[in-house]
Amino acid sequence: MKILSQVLFVAIAAGWVFGGPVTAQSKNPIQAAKDAYKKAREKQANKSQPPPAAAPQTPQTSQPSNPANTSAARPQAASGDCCSPDALRKIASSFGFLDIVGIKLGMTPEQAFAAVKAHNGQLKIDIINARMEDPDGAYSGSFTRVPQFAVAHTVGLRPNPNFPALFVGADGSSDVIVIEFTIPPSPPLVGRIVREVSFPRTQLVVASNLLDALRKKYGQESLTGIGTSWVFDSAGKLLSRPLQGDERNCLPNGARFGWSGMPQAQDMDRDYPTQLSVAHLASVGLDAGETSSACRPLGIVEAYPFGQSTAPNQQLGSMTVLVQSPALLYGSGKATHDWLKARIDARAKQQEDAAKARSAPKL
């Protein structure tokens, strides 16, 4: 599969897919990825089929202390086109004001990994691949691996020898950041970030201190339920009104915000159970829930546990914060669905035409 071959070539060159884990101290995986994308684009430029997604231009890197105060300076995403590489880059430029520890929505992998290094040079970065349907595979059900998640985490062992190596240190502390990228054929851009911080068992933090820090960064929360949420429009304005209609489905559901569980160290040597196929992408409802048309104009921040049941003086052992762009997640998923379906339909038509052209054996 030509395009996926180029994507995998890039991933291999960058040390993503089949190579060893990437570390924040590695010599220069960022430049390797950049060079590989450039070579892949040049090689594909004169071919008739669509080229692999180009690395987008570097978005603005300045980070305001309160994004709600600087909305006028940010570009707006075009509304007519949801899913082309150019459209996704426009969306990325609209929501780049939302970040976790400097990792911003819409960043390229190289920018995201540089932000991880700037946050904590000791974090280890592992890549988790999704299994994507291969329409040019030798048999039905063929798949190829594409990088979809990066997990930056502290390195440590649980003191209990019955546990495998995990992200948690001996004192119970950890810092885990999961970054979800848009998937081929879209350019790889950060669409969702989840950070889970666990504090040492003897150094718990009261909820009010954590919530004050969140308010300082994101502003006054918009909603409080199971968790606490901040909802922004694409101009960077923090919504103060209640969510209405289908907007109520825009907030991620559950303590892990869409993941059944944060990946652990033992998950790093196998694929994350994400199946990217036409059937799966259609079945999950690309235009439903938190990626519906009502949600795509919004940027979402959610923190847990800071809901109505959390007392201000409650001592907490951990905090989870999510930032996501429904528009980037939807646009990437739809582009993958449409691209795979077009390739599968074209292959089926080719096989049908070839079968019609064959004559019957002599009877």
Protein backbone atom coordinates (compact mmCIF):
# COMPACT_ATOMS: atom_id res chain seq x y z
CA MET A 1 0.00 0.00 0.00
CA LYS A 2 1.85 3.01 -1.36
CA ILE A 3 0.78 5.72 1.06
CA LEU A 4 0.98 3.52 4.11
CA SER A 5 4.37 2.29 2.96
CA GLN A 6 5.56 5.87 2.99
CA VAL A 7 4.02 6.46 6.42
CA LEU A 8 5.64 3.34 7.81
CA PHE A 9 8.96 4.31 6.26
CA VAL A 10 8.68 7.59 8.12
CA ALA A 11 7.74 5.87 11.34
CA ILE A 12 10.62 3.43 11.10
CA ALA A 13 13.07 6.20 10.31
CA ALA A 14 11.87 8.14 13.32
CA GLY A 15 12.16 5.12 15.60
CA TRP A 16 8.39 5.01 16.10
CA VAL A 17 6.92 1.73 15.00
CA PHE A 18 9.32 -1.17 15.19
CA GLY A 19 12.36 0.41 16.80
CA GLY A 20 13.24 0.71 20.46
CA PRO A 21 11.54 3.17 22.80
CA VAL A 22 12.25 6.84 22.29
CA THR A 23 13.64 8.73 25.24
CA ALA A 24 13.60 12.43 25.93
CA GLN A 25 17.40 12.29 25.92
CA SER A 26 17.73 10.47 22.56
CA LYS A 27 20.16 12.16 20.21
CA ASN A 28 17.87 13.53 17.51
CA PRO A 29 14.74 11.48 16.67
CA ILE A 30 12.87 14.70 15.94
CA GLN A 31 15.20 15.66 13.07
CA ALA A 32 15.11 12.09 11.77
CA ALA A 33 11.31 12.19 11.58
CA LYS A 34 11.39 15.60 9.89
CA ASP A 35 13.89 14.42 7.26
CA ALA A 36 11.94 11.24 6.64
CA TYR A 37 8.69 13.11 6.02
CA LYS A 38 10.49 15.44 3.62
CA LYS A 39 11.97 12.56 1.62
CA ALA A 40 8.63 10.74 1.50
CA ARG A 41 6.88 13.86 0.18
CA GLU A 42 9.51 14.42 -2.50
CA LYS A 43 9.39 10.81 -3.65
CA GLN A 44 5.60 10.87 -3.90
CA ALA A 45 5.23 14.33 -5.47
CA ASN A 46 5.13 13.20 -9.12
CA LYS A 47 2.89 10.18 -8.61
CA SER A 48 -0.77 10.18 -9.51
CA GLN A 49 -2.13 8.96 -6.19
CA PRO A 50 -2.43 11.34 -3.23
CA PRO A 51 0.90 11.95 -1.50
CA PRO A 52 1.47 11.11 2.14
CA ALA A 53 0.49 13.88 4.51
CA ALA A 54 3.06 16.62 4.78
CA ALA A 55 4.30 17.86 8.11
CA PRO A 56 2.34 21.00 8.90
CA GLN A 57 3.83 24.39 9.47
CA THR A 58 4.93 25.13 13.00
CA PRO A 59 2.06 26.72 14.92
CA GLN A 60 2.50 29.76 17.12
CA THR A 61 4.35 28.67 20.25
CA SER A 62 3.63 31.55 22.60
CA GLN A 63 1.44 30.45 25.50
CA PRO A 64 -0.81 33.01 27.18
CA SER A 65 -1.39 32.62 30.91
CA ASN A 66 -5.14 32.77 30.35
CA PRO A 67 -6.30 31.77 26.86
CA ALA A 68 -9.65 33.46 27.29
CA ASN A 69 -8.00 36.88 27.21
CA THR A 70 -6.37 36.62 23.76
CA SER A 71 -9.08 35.29 21.47
CA ALA A 72 -8.93 38.08 18.89
CA ALA A 73 -5.42 37.22 17.73
CA ARG A 74 -6.14 33.58 16.82
CA PRO A 75 -7.06 32.40 13.30
CA GLN A 76 -10.35 30.62 12.74
CA ALA A 77 -10.79 27.22 11.13
CA ALA A 78 -12.60 27.06 7.81
CA SER A 79 -16.09 25.62 8.18
CA GLY A 80 -16.59 24.22 4.68
CA ASP A 81 -13.94 21.49 4.74
CA CYS A 82 -13.49 19.26 7.76
CA CYS A 83 -10.92 16.68 6.85
CA SER A 84 -8.29 17.65 4.30
CA PRO A 85 -4.71 18.21 5.52
CA ASP A 86 -5.12 21.97 5.05
CA ALA A 87 -8.39 21.97 6.99
CA LEU A 88 -6.83 20.05 9.87
CA ARG A 89 -3.93 22.49 9.99
CA LYS A 90 -6.39 25.39 10.23
CA ILE A 91 -8.18 23.64 13.06
CA ALA A 92 -4.83 23.03 14.74
CA SER A 93 -3.97 26.71 14.53
CA SER A 94 -7.33 27.57 16.11
CA PHE A 95 -6.92 25.38 19.18
CA GLY A 96 -3.18 25.64 19.77
CA PHE A 97 -3.85 27.84 22.81
CA LEU A 98 -4.88 24.74 24.82
CA ASP A 99 -2.06 22.72 26.32
CA ILE A 100 -0.89 20.48 29.14
CA VAL A 101 2.66 21.27 30.36
CA GLY A 102 3.37 22.96 27.00
CA ILE A 103 2.10 20.10 24.82
CA LYS A 104 -0.46 21.86 22.65
CA LEU A 105 -3.34 20.69 20.54
CA GLY A 106 -2.29 20.69 16.88
CA MET A 107 1.42 20.18 17.52
CA THR A 108 3.42 17.87 15.28
CA PRO A 109 5.14 14.87 16.90
CA GLU A 110 8.49 16.66 16.84
CA GLN A 111 7.02 19.67 18.64
CA ALA A 112 5.18 17.49 21.15
CA PHE A 113 8.31 15.50 22.01
CA ALA A 114 10.31 18.71 22.39
CA ALA A 115 7.61 19.97 24.79
CA VAL A 116 7.86 16.74 26.80
CA LYS A 117 11.62 17.18 27.02
CA ALA A 118 11.20 20.80 28.14
CA HIS A 119 8.71 19.71 30.81
CA ASN A 120 10.83 16.84 32.17
CA GLY A 121 13.91 15.53 30.43
CA GLN A 122 13.78 12.32 32.47
CA LEU A 123 10.48 11.09 31.04
CA LYS A 124 10.65 8.09 28.76
CA ILE A 125 8.56 8.16 25.59
CA ASP A 126 7.03 5.01 24.11
CA ILE A 127 5.00 4.75 20.92
CA ILE A 128 1.83 2.65 20.74
CA ASN A 129 0.61 1.59 17.31
CA ALA A 130 -2.91 1.11 16.03
CA ARG A 131 -3.78 -1.71 13.65
CA MET A 132 -5.02 -0.20 10.38
CA GLU A 133 -6.89 -2.15 7.74
CA ASP A 134 -4.69 -2.79 4.67
CA PRO A 135 -6.84 -2.64 1.52
CA ASP A 136 -3.92 -3.89 -0.59
CA GLY A 137 -3.10 -6.78 1.73
CA ALA A 138 -2.67 -10.33 0.49
CA TYR A 139 -5.89 -11.46 2.17
CA SER A 140 -9.03 -10.06 3.74
CA GLY A 141 -8.31 -8.86 7.24
CA SER A 142 -4.75 -7.80 6.49
CA PHE A 143 -3.56 -4.88 8.58
CA THR A 144 -0.58 -2.65 9.03
CA ARG A 145 0.65 -0.80 12.10
CA VAL A 146 0.57 2.98 12.29
CA PRO A 147 1.69 5.13 15.24
CA GLN A 148 -1.28 6.68 17.04
CA PHE A 149 -0.24 7.28 20.67
CA ALA A 150 2.88 8.47 22.46
CA VAL A 151 3.15 7.76 26.17
CA ALA A 152 5.63 9.81 28.20
CA HIS A 153 6.13 8.44 31.69
CA THR A 154 8.35 8.17 34.71
CA VAL A 155 10.26 4.93 35.05
CA GLY A 156 9.97 2.84 38.20
CA LEU A 157 8.98 -0.46 39.73
CA ARG A 158 6.28 -1.32 42.19
CA PRO A 159 7.85 -2.73 45.35
CA ASN A 160 5.58 -5.79 45.12
CA PRO A 161 7.49 -8.41 43.06
CA ASN A 162 4.18 -9.87 41.84
CA PHE A 163 3.57 -6.75 39.76
CA PRO A 164 5.28 -6.26 36.40
CA ALA A 165 7.19 -3.08 35.66
CA LEU A 166 4.79 -0.16 35.86
CA PHE A 167 4.98 3.60 35.66
CA VAL A 168 4.63 4.00 39.42
CA GLY A 169 7.70 4.57 41.58
CA ALA A 170 8.35 2.95 44.93
CA ASP A 171 6.84 5.95 46.76
CA GLY A 172 3.62 5.73 44.74
CA SER A 173 4.36 8.76 42.57
CA SER A 174 4.18 8.93 38.78
CA ASP A 175 3.72 11.29 35.87
CA VAL A 176 2.09 9.80 32.78
CA ILE A 177 1.20 11.78 29.64
CA VAL A 178 -0.71 10.12 26.81
CA ILE A 179 -0.68 11.98 23.49
CA GLU A 180 -3.07 10.91 20.73
CA PHE A 181 -2.13 11.89 17.18
CA THR A 182 -4.30 12.12 14.11
CA ILE A 183 -3.86 9.09 11.85
CA PRO A 184 -2.95 8.52 8.17
CA PRO A 185 -3.63 9.85 5.64
CA SER A 186 -3.95 12.99 7.78
CA PRO A 187 -0.80 14.79 8.90
CA PRO A 188 0.15 13.68 12.44
CA LEU A 189 -1.14 16.35 14.81
CA VAL A 190 -1.92 16.25 18.52
CA GLY A 191 -5.67 15.78 18.91
CA ARG A 192 -5.89 14.75 22.56
CA ILE A 193 -3.63 14.89 25.62
CA VAL A 194 -4.23 13.20 28.96
CA ARG A 195 -1.95 13.66 31.94
CA GLU A 196 -2.26 11.65 35.15
CA VAL A 197 -0.11 12.73 38.09
CA SER A 198 0.10 10.56 41.22
CA PHE A 199 1.62 12.08 44.32
CA PRO A 200 3.87 10.29 46.83
CA ARG A 201 1.78 8.43 49.38
CA THR A 202 3.05 10.68 52.17
CA GLN A 203 2.55 13.93 50.21
CA LEU A 204 -1.14 14.17 49.32
CA VAL A 205 -2.52 17.51 48.10
CA VAL A 206 -5.85 19.09 49.05
CA ALA A 207 -8.37 19.45 46.21
CA SER A 208 -8.67 23.24 46.57
CA ASN A 209 -4.94 23.73 45.86
CA LEU A 210 -5.14 21.65 42.69
CA LEU A 211 -8.32 23.34 41.53
CA ASP A 212 -6.81 26.79 42.11
CA ALA A 213 -3.87 25.82 39.88
CA LEU A 214 -6.26 24.65 37.15
CA ARG A 215 -8.23 27.91 37.35
CA LYS A 216 -5.05 29.93 37.08
CA LYS A 217 -4.17 28.11 33.87
CA TYR A 218 -7.57 27.67 32.17
CA GLY A 219 -9.85 30.20 33.84
CA GLN A 220 -13.07 29.70 35.80
CA GLU A 221 -14.55 26.28 35.10
CA SER A 222 -17.61 26.08 32.85
CA LEU A 223 -19.24 22.95 34.28
CA THR A 224 -18.99 20.71 37.30
CA GLY A 225 -20.29 17.15 37.38
CA ILE A 226 -18.30 13.94 37.80
CA GLY A 227 -15.28 16.07 36.93
CA THR A 228 -14.73 19.77 36.29
CA SER A 229 -14.70 21.10 32.72
CA TRP A 230 -13.59 24.13 30.73
CA VAL A 231 -15.19 24.58 27.30
CA PHE A 232 -13.77 27.02 24.74
CA ASP A 233 -14.93 28.06 21.31
CA SER A 234 -12.44 28.16 18.42
CA ALA A 235 -11.82 31.87 19.10
CA GLY A 236 -10.50 30.95 22.54
CA LYS A 237 -13.51 32.32 24.43
CA LEU A 238 -14.36 30.38 27.56
CA LEU A 239 -18.05 29.49 27.53
CA SER A 240 -20.02 30.59 30.55
CA ARG A 241 -23.43 29.43 29.33
CA PRO A 242 -24.71 25.88 29.93
CA LEU A 243 -24.17 23.36 27.14
CA GLN A 244 -27.32 22.83 25.11
CA GLY A 245 -28.78 19.97 23.07
CA ASP A 246 -26.13 17.70 21.54
CA GLU A 247 -23.43 19.82 23.18
CA ARG A 248 -24.13 17.91 26.38
CA ASN A 249 -22.45 14.87 24.80
CA CYS A 250 -19.21 16.74 24.13
CA LEU A 251 -17.61 16.09 27.50
CA PRO A 252 -15.55 12.89 27.73
CA ASN A 253 -17.16 10.14 29.75
CA GLY A 254 -15.42 8.44 32.66
CA ALA A 255 -12.35 8.88 34.82
CA ARG A 256 -10.02 7.93 31.98
CA PHE A 257 -11.81 10.07 29.41
CA GLY A 258 -12.33 7.61 26.59
CA TRP A 259 -9.64 5.09 27.48
CA SER A 260 -10.59 1.91 29.33
CA GLY A 261 -7.40 2.43 31.32
CA MET A 262 -4.20 4.39 31.07
CA PRO A 263 -1.60 2.26 29.23
CA GLN A 264 0.89 0.58 31.54
CA ALA A 265 4.52 -0.30 30.93
CA GLN A 266 3.68 -3.87 29.95
CA ASP A 267 1.51 -2.51 27.11
CA MET A 268 4.46 -0.89 25.37
CA ASP A 269 5.55 -4.02 23.50
CA ARG A 270 2.18 -4.66 21.84
CA ASP A 271 -0.42 -2.75 19.88
CA TYR A 272 -3.00 -0.67 21.65
CA PRO A 273 -6.37 -2.35 20.94
CA THR A 274 -7.44 0.21 18.36
CA GLN A 275 -8.72 -1.29 15.12
CA LEU A 276 -8.79 1.25 12.30
CA SER A 277 -11.03 -0.27 9.66
CA VAL A 278 -13.93 0.99 7.57
CA ALA A 279 -16.36 -1.16 9.53
CA HIS A 280 -15.04 -0.11 12.94
CA LEU A 281 -14.84 3.59 12.11
CA ALA A 282 -18.42 3.46 10.80
CA SER A 283 -19.68 1.51 13.81
CA VAL A 284 -18.31 3.93 16.43
CA GLY A 285 -20.25 6.77 14.84
CA LEU A 286 -17.81 9.40 13.64
CA ASP A 287 -20.50 12.08 13.83
CA ALA A 288 -21.78 11.18 17.30
CA GLY A 289 -20.96 11.84 20.93
CA GLU A 290 -17.93 13.98 21.69
CA THR A 291 -16.99 14.35 17.99
CA SER A 292 -20.46 15.32 16.74
CA SER A 293 -21.07 18.46 14.69
CA ALA A 294 -22.20 20.26 17.84
CA CYS A 295 -18.86 19.53 19.52
CA ARG A 296 -16.40 20.23 16.71
CA PRO A 297 -16.38 24.04 17.18
CA LEU A 298 -15.24 23.50 20.79
CA GLY A 299 -12.04 22.84 22.69
CA ILE A 300 -12.44 20.75 25.82
CA VAL A 301 -10.49 20.66 29.08
CA GLU A 302 -11.56 18.29 31.85
CA ALA A 303 -10.04 17.52 35.23
CA TYR A 304 -10.79 14.67 37.64
CA PRO A 305 -11.66 14.32 40.49
CA PHE A 306 -12.98 17.82 41.09
CA GLY A 307 -16.70 17.25 40.80
CA GLN A 308 -19.56 18.07 43.08
CA SER A 309 -18.69 15.18 45.40
CA THR A 310 -15.11 16.39 45.99
CA ALA A 311 -14.75 18.51 49.14
CA PRO A 312 -12.29 21.44 48.91
CA ASN A 313 -10.26 20.10 51.84
CA GLN A 314 -10.22 16.50 50.56
CA GLN A 315 -6.68 15.12 50.29
CA LEU A 316 -6.06 13.66 46.84
CA GLY A 317 -3.48 11.15 45.75
CA SER A 318 -3.75 11.85 42.03
CA MET A 319 -5.10 14.24 39.40
CA THR A 320 -6.05 13.58 35.78
CA VAL A 321 -6.36 16.37 33.20
CA LEU A 322 -7.51 16.04 29.60
CA VAL A 323 -7.35 18.46 26.68
CA GLN A 324 -8.89 17.56 23.33
CA SER A 325 -10.13 18.92 20.03
CA PRO A 326 -13.25 17.10 18.80
CA ALA A 327 -12.71 18.66 15.36
CA LEU A 328 -9.22 17.18 14.95
CA LEU A 329 -10.33 13.75 16.18
CA TYR A 330 -13.38 13.75 13.89
CA GLY A 331 -11.56 15.10 10.84
CA SER A 332 -8.80 12.53 11.13
CA GLY A 333 -11.20 9.62 11.66
CA LYS A 334 -13.40 10.60 8.73
CA ALA A 335 -10.41 11.10 6.44
CA THR A 336 -9.14 7.63 7.33
CA HIS A 337 -12.59 6.07 6.86
CA ASP A 338 -13.13 7.71 3.45
CA TRP A 339 -9.61 6.96 2.26
CA LEU A 340 -9.75 3.29 3.23
CA LYS A 341 -13.22 2.87 1.74
CA ALA A 342 -12.13 4.42 -1.57
CA ARG A 343 -9.14 2.09 -1.76
CA ILE A 344 -11.22 -0.97 -0.88
CA ASP A 345 -13.93 -0.04 -3.39
CA ALA A 346 -11.31 0.54 -6.09
CA ARG A 347 -9.72 -2.85 -5.41
CA ALA A 348 -13.11 -4.58 -5.52
CA LYS A 349 -13.92 -2.90 -8.85
CA GLN A 350 -10.55 -3.91 -10.25
CA GLN A 351 -11.09 -7.51 -9.22
CA GLU A 352 -14.61 -7.49 -10.67
CA ASP A 353 -13.40 -6.08 -14.00
CA ALA A 354 -10.58 -8.61 -14.16
CA ALA A 355 -13.01 -11.47 -13.48
CA LYS A 356 -15.34 -10.25 -16.24
CA ALA A 357 -12.44 -10.11 -18.69
CA ARG A 358 -11.47 -13.74 -18.12
CA SER A 359 -12.97 -16.26 -20.50
CA ALA A 360 -14.45 -19.54 -19.41
CA PRO A 361 -12.31 -22.68 -19.70
CA LYS A 362 -12.81 -24.95 -22.68
CA LEU A 363 -15.78 -27.21 -22.04
